[in-house]
């Protein structure tokens, strides 16, 4: 029987492994630009422009776009082509709610079964995140890229003891969507909240192997993100697709 862990279609989207194909490399680069806000919601993705930008063929571009449609980061509108998916506050709430369900489950499993290597990954990732959060009371837009990378690495380390690859796959898609809203809000203005305290409490509960407390903190952490973004930015579906 084929080992499902080797199937690329169910690998976490935020993997740090080196891309093995041109399609994978272009997919990651384009996905990163969309998630970071480098390509705005509603932007039309023209195949010819993507071919020139990434120096690849038409078939590779079609495959990349198909993968991004499957991730719902890109959408199609009739016969008008491919567009970066729009944003809405209601959608973000739905994303956050499902993310809580999956990430809490993965966190609890990691706390209950994680070994010393898991603890080391969590400690190292938290150290990098704490270092940048010590510098600011709120995260400014200029530090958003560095902070977002460290934030994702910390949350990924926390659940790295989970062995359910399907759960990790869908959770990584949801985190991509959540990151789009967080980056948009950071570009608008810094989020007024104590990220450092929330992450510190989550880190301490995880390493103390207190799964119940860690789950409660994680749920609160995600809820606070929704509340903060709702207060400072309205991201209703006003992103009209470009012609």
Protein backbone atom coordinates (compact mmCIF):
# COMPACT_ATOMS: atom_id res chain seq x y z
CA UNK A 1 0.00 0.00 0.00
CA UNK A 2 1.26 3.50 -0.85
CA UNK A 3 2.44 5.53 2.12
CA UNK A 4 0.02 8.50 2.18
CA UNK A 5 2.64 10.66 3.85
CA UNK A 6 4.44 10.83 0.48
CA UNK A 7 1.43 12.12 -1.44
CA UNK A 8 2.06 15.78 -2.38
CA UNK A 9 -1.63 16.68 -2.65
CA UNK A 10 -2.13 16.26 1.09
CA UNK A 11 1.11 17.86 2.27
CA UNK A 12 0.77 20.98 4.42
CA UNK A 13 0.87 24.06 2.20
CA UNK A 14 3.32 25.85 4.52
CA UNK A 15 6.02 23.19 4.33
CA UNK A 16 9.64 24.38 4.50
CA UNK A 17 10.91 21.57 2.28
CA UNK A 18 12.60 22.47 -0.98
CA UNK A 19 10.21 22.48 -3.97
CA UNK A 20 10.90 19.48 -6.19
CA UNK A 21 9.26 20.76 -9.38
CA UNK A 22 8.84 24.01 -11.27
CA UNK A 23 5.12 23.87 -10.61
CA UNK A 24 5.69 23.58 -6.86
CA UNK A 25 8.16 26.48 -6.90
CA UNK A 26 5.84 28.80 -8.84
CA UNK A 27 2.85 27.71 -6.77
CA UNK A 28 4.62 28.63 -3.54
CA UNK A 29 5.83 31.97 -4.87
CA UNK A 30 2.44 33.02 -6.21
CA UNK A 31 0.65 31.76 -3.11
CA UNK A 32 3.05 33.76 -0.93
CA UNK A 33 2.35 36.94 -2.90
CA UNK A 34 -1.39 36.46 -2.55
CA UNK A 35 -1.25 35.64 1.17
CA UNK A 36 1.04 38.58 1.94
CA UNK A 37 -1.16 41.02 0.04
CA UNK A 38 1.50 41.63 -2.59
CA UNK A 39 -1.21 40.85 -5.14
CA UNK A 40 -4.42 42.57 -4.07
CA UNK A 41 -7.80 40.84 -3.74
CA UNK A 42 -9.75 41.01 -6.99
CA UNK A 43 -6.62 41.23 -9.18
CA UNK A 44 -6.93 39.37 -12.45
CA UNK A 45 -4.20 36.75 -12.92
CA UNK A 46 -3.31 36.74 -16.60
CA UNK A 47 -1.64 33.52 -17.72
CA UNK A 48 0.71 35.21 -20.20
CA UNK A 49 1.95 37.66 -17.56
CA UNK A 50 2.52 34.81 -15.11
CA UNK A 51 4.45 32.84 -17.72
CA UNK A 52 6.77 35.79 -18.30
CA UNK A 53 7.11 36.63 -14.61
CA UNK A 54 8.07 33.13 -13.52
CA UNK A 55 9.73 31.96 -16.73
CA UNK A 56 7.62 28.84 -17.10
CA UNK A 57 5.28 27.24 -19.61
CA UNK A 58 1.55 27.54 -20.10
CA UNK A 59 0.81 24.05 -18.76
CA UNK A 60 2.70 24.82 -15.52
CA UNK A 61 0.78 28.08 -15.06
CA UNK A 62 -2.53 26.28 -15.58
CA UNK A 63 -1.59 23.68 -12.97
CA UNK A 64 -0.52 26.36 -10.49
CA UNK A 65 -3.78 28.27 -10.95
CA UNK A 66 -5.78 25.07 -10.56
CA UNK A 67 -4.04 24.37 -7.23
CA UNK A 68 -4.73 27.91 -6.02
CA UNK A 69 -8.39 27.54 -7.00
CA UNK A 70 -8.50 24.34 -4.96
CA UNK A 71 -7.07 26.34 -2.02
CA UNK A 72 -9.77 28.99 -2.71
CA UNK A 73 -7.07 31.67 -2.85
CA UNK A 74 -7.96 32.14 -6.53
CA UNK A 75 -11.40 32.08 -8.09
CA UNK A 76 -12.81 31.94 -11.60
CA UNK A 77 -15.65 34.13 -12.84
CA UNK A 78 -17.44 32.57 -15.80
CA UNK A 79 -15.23 32.77 -18.85
CA UNK A 80 -13.49 35.94 -17.64
CA UNK A 81 -10.44 34.19 -16.22
CA UNK A 82 -8.74 33.83 -12.84
CA UNK A 83 -8.85 36.37 -10.01
CA UNK A 84 -7.36 36.62 -6.53
CA UNK A 85 -10.23 35.73 -4.22
CA UNK A 86 -12.01 38.66 -2.52
CA UNK A 87 -12.10 39.19 1.24
CA UNK A 88 -14.99 39.61 3.63
CA UNK A 89 -15.27 39.84 7.38
CA UNK A 90 -17.93 37.13 7.45
CA UNK A 91 -15.63 34.78 5.57
CA UNK A 92 -12.80 35.54 7.99
CA UNK A 93 -15.01 34.62 10.93
CA UNK A 94 -15.84 31.31 9.24
CA UNK A 95 -12.16 30.63 8.51
CA UNK A 96 -11.18 31.44 12.09
CA UNK A 97 -13.92 29.23 13.53
CA UNK A 98 -12.84 26.18 11.52
CA UNK A 99 -9.17 26.93 12.14
CA UNK A 100 -9.86 26.80 15.89
CA UNK A 101 -11.46 23.38 15.56
CA UNK A 102 -8.58 21.87 13.60
CA UNK A 103 -5.68 23.62 15.31
CA UNK A 104 -6.92 22.87 18.82
CA UNK A 105 -7.26 19.19 17.93
CA UNK A 106 -3.73 19.14 16.50
CA UNK A 107 -2.35 21.03 19.50
CA UNK A 108 -3.90 18.65 22.03
CA UNK A 109 -2.49 15.62 20.19
CA UNK A 110 0.94 17.25 20.01
CA UNK A 111 0.96 18.04 23.74
CA UNK A 112 -0.14 14.52 24.63
CA UNK A 113 2.27 12.67 22.32
CA UNK A 114 5.05 15.13 21.45
CA UNK A 115 8.58 14.04 22.32
CA UNK A 116 11.70 16.01 23.27
CA UNK A 117 12.24 17.02 19.63
CA UNK A 118 8.76 18.53 19.59
CA UNK A 119 9.54 20.50 22.75
CA UNK A 120 12.76 21.77 21.18
CA UNK A 121 10.96 22.87 18.01
CA UNK A 122 8.38 24.76 20.06
CA UNK A 123 11.04 26.42 22.24
CA UNK A 124 13.16 27.49 19.26
CA UNK A 125 10.19 28.88 17.33
CA UNK A 126 8.88 30.73 20.37
CA UNK A 127 12.30 32.24 21.00
CA UNK A 128 12.40 33.75 17.51
CA UNK A 129 8.86 35.06 17.84
CA UNK A 130 9.43 36.50 21.32
CA UNK A 131 12.53 38.31 20.12
CA UNK A 132 10.62 40.33 17.52
CA UNK A 133 7.59 40.87 19.76
CA UNK A 134 9.87 42.25 22.48
CA UNK A 135 10.78 45.08 20.11
CA UNK A 136 7.27 46.48 19.64
CA UNK A 137 4.16 47.26 21.64
CA UNK A 138 2.21 46.70 18.43
CA UNK A 139 3.50 45.13 15.21
CA UNK A 140 4.12 47.87 12.59
CA UNK A 141 3.61 47.24 8.90
CA UNK A 142 7.37 47.45 8.34
CA UNK A 143 7.92 44.39 10.52
CA UNK A 144 4.87 42.49 9.31
CA UNK A 145 6.74 40.07 7.04
CA UNK A 146 9.25 39.05 9.71
CA UNK A 147 6.59 38.78 12.41
CA UNK A 148 4.20 36.79 10.23
CA UNK A 149 6.94 34.28 9.38
CA UNK A 150 7.85 33.82 13.05
CA UNK A 151 4.18 33.64 14.04
CA UNK A 152 3.44 30.92 11.48
CA UNK A 153 6.57 29.00 12.51
CA UNK A 154 5.52 29.07 16.17
CA UNK A 155 1.98 27.88 15.52
CA UNK A 156 3.27 25.22 13.15
CA UNK A 157 5.80 24.02 15.75
CA UNK A 158 3.06 23.75 18.36
CA UNK A 159 1.08 21.28 16.24
CA UNK A 160 4.08 19.49 14.72
CA UNK A 161 3.50 16.50 16.98
CA UNK A 162 0.18 15.80 15.26
CA UNK A 163 0.26 12.79 12.91
CA UNK A 164 -3.03 13.41 11.09
CA UNK A 165 -1.78 14.64 7.71
CA UNK A 166 -5.26 15.50 6.44
CA UNK A 167 -5.86 17.72 9.44
CA UNK A 168 -2.50 19.46 8.92
CA UNK A 169 -3.23 19.92 5.22
CA UNK A 170 -6.57 21.65 5.72
CA UNK A 171 -5.30 23.64 8.67
CA UNK A 172 -2.46 25.04 6.53
CA UNK A 173 -4.99 26.20 3.91
CA UNK A 174 -7.04 27.94 6.59
CA UNK A 175 -3.94 29.62 8.00
CA UNK A 176 -3.13 31.01 4.55
CA UNK A 177 -6.58 32.61 4.47
CA UNK A 178 -6.26 33.94 8.01
CA UNK A 179 -2.88 35.44 7.12
CA UNK A 180 -4.44 37.42 4.26
CA UNK A 181 -6.71 39.24 6.71
CA UNK A 182 -3.99 39.75 9.31
CA UNK A 183 -1.62 41.23 6.72
CA UNK A 184 -4.35 43.49 5.38
CA UNK A 185 -5.06 44.78 8.87
CA UNK A 186 -1.37 45.35 9.62
CA UNK A 187 -1.08 47.34 6.40
CA UNK A 188 -4.05 49.45 7.52
CA UNK A 189 -2.82 50.01 11.06
CA UNK A 190 -1.15 47.95 13.81
CA UNK A 191 -3.44 45.55 15.66
CA UNK A 192 -3.90 46.90 19.22
CA UNK A 193 -3.36 43.79 21.34
CA UNK A 194 -0.76 42.04 23.45
CA UNK A 195 0.46 39.34 21.08
CA UNK A 196 3.47 38.66 23.27
CA UNK A 197 1.43 37.79 26.35
CA UNK A 198 -0.92 35.56 24.37
CA UNK A 199 1.96 33.68 22.74
CA UNK A 200 3.89 33.44 26.02
CA UNK A 201 0.88 31.94 27.82
CA UNK A 202 0.30 29.48 24.99
CA UNK A 203 3.96 28.47 24.99
CA UNK A 204 4.06 27.90 28.74
CA UNK A 205 0.87 25.85 28.78
CA UNK A 206 2.08 23.68 25.90
CA UNK A 207 5.45 22.88 27.46
CA UNK A 208 3.77 22.29 30.81
CA UNK A 209 1.74 19.60 28.98
CA UNK A 210 -1.49 21.24 30.08
CA UNK A 211 -3.59 20.41 27.02
CA UNK A 212 -6.84 21.79 28.41
CA UNK A 213 -5.34 25.17 29.30
CA UNK A 214 -3.41 25.39 26.03
CA UNK A 215 -6.59 24.68 24.05
CA UNK A 216 -8.46 27.41 25.90
CA UNK A 217 -5.64 29.91 25.30
CA UNK A 218 -5.47 29.04 21.60
CA UNK A 219 -9.23 29.51 21.17
CA UNK A 220 -9.00 32.87 22.95
CA UNK A 221 -6.00 33.82 20.79
CA UNK A 222 -7.88 33.17 17.54
CA UNK A 223 -11.01 34.93 18.84
CA UNK A 224 -8.94 37.98 19.74
CA UNK A 225 -7.59 38.12 16.19
CA UNK A 226 -11.15 38.17 14.82
CA UNK A 227 -12.22 40.85 17.29
CA UNK A 228 -9.18 43.03 16.63
CA UNK A 229 -9.55 42.93 12.86
CA UNK A 230 -13.28 43.59 13.09
CA UNK A 231 -12.55 46.73 15.14
CA UNK A 232 -9.96 48.28 12.88
CA UNK A 233 -10.80 47.31 9.33
CA UNK A 234 -13.93 46.51 7.36
CA UNK A 235 -13.12 43.94 4.71
CA UNK A 236 -16.54 43.37 3.23
CA UNK A 237 -16.75 42.18 -0.36
CA UNK A 238 -15.89 45.50 -1.94
CA UNK A 239 -12.98 44.17 -3.98
CA UNK A 240 -14.39 44.36 -7.49
CA UNK A 241 -12.54 42.04 -9.89
CA UNK A 242 -10.40 43.96 -12.32
CA UNK A 243 -11.19 43.57 -16.02
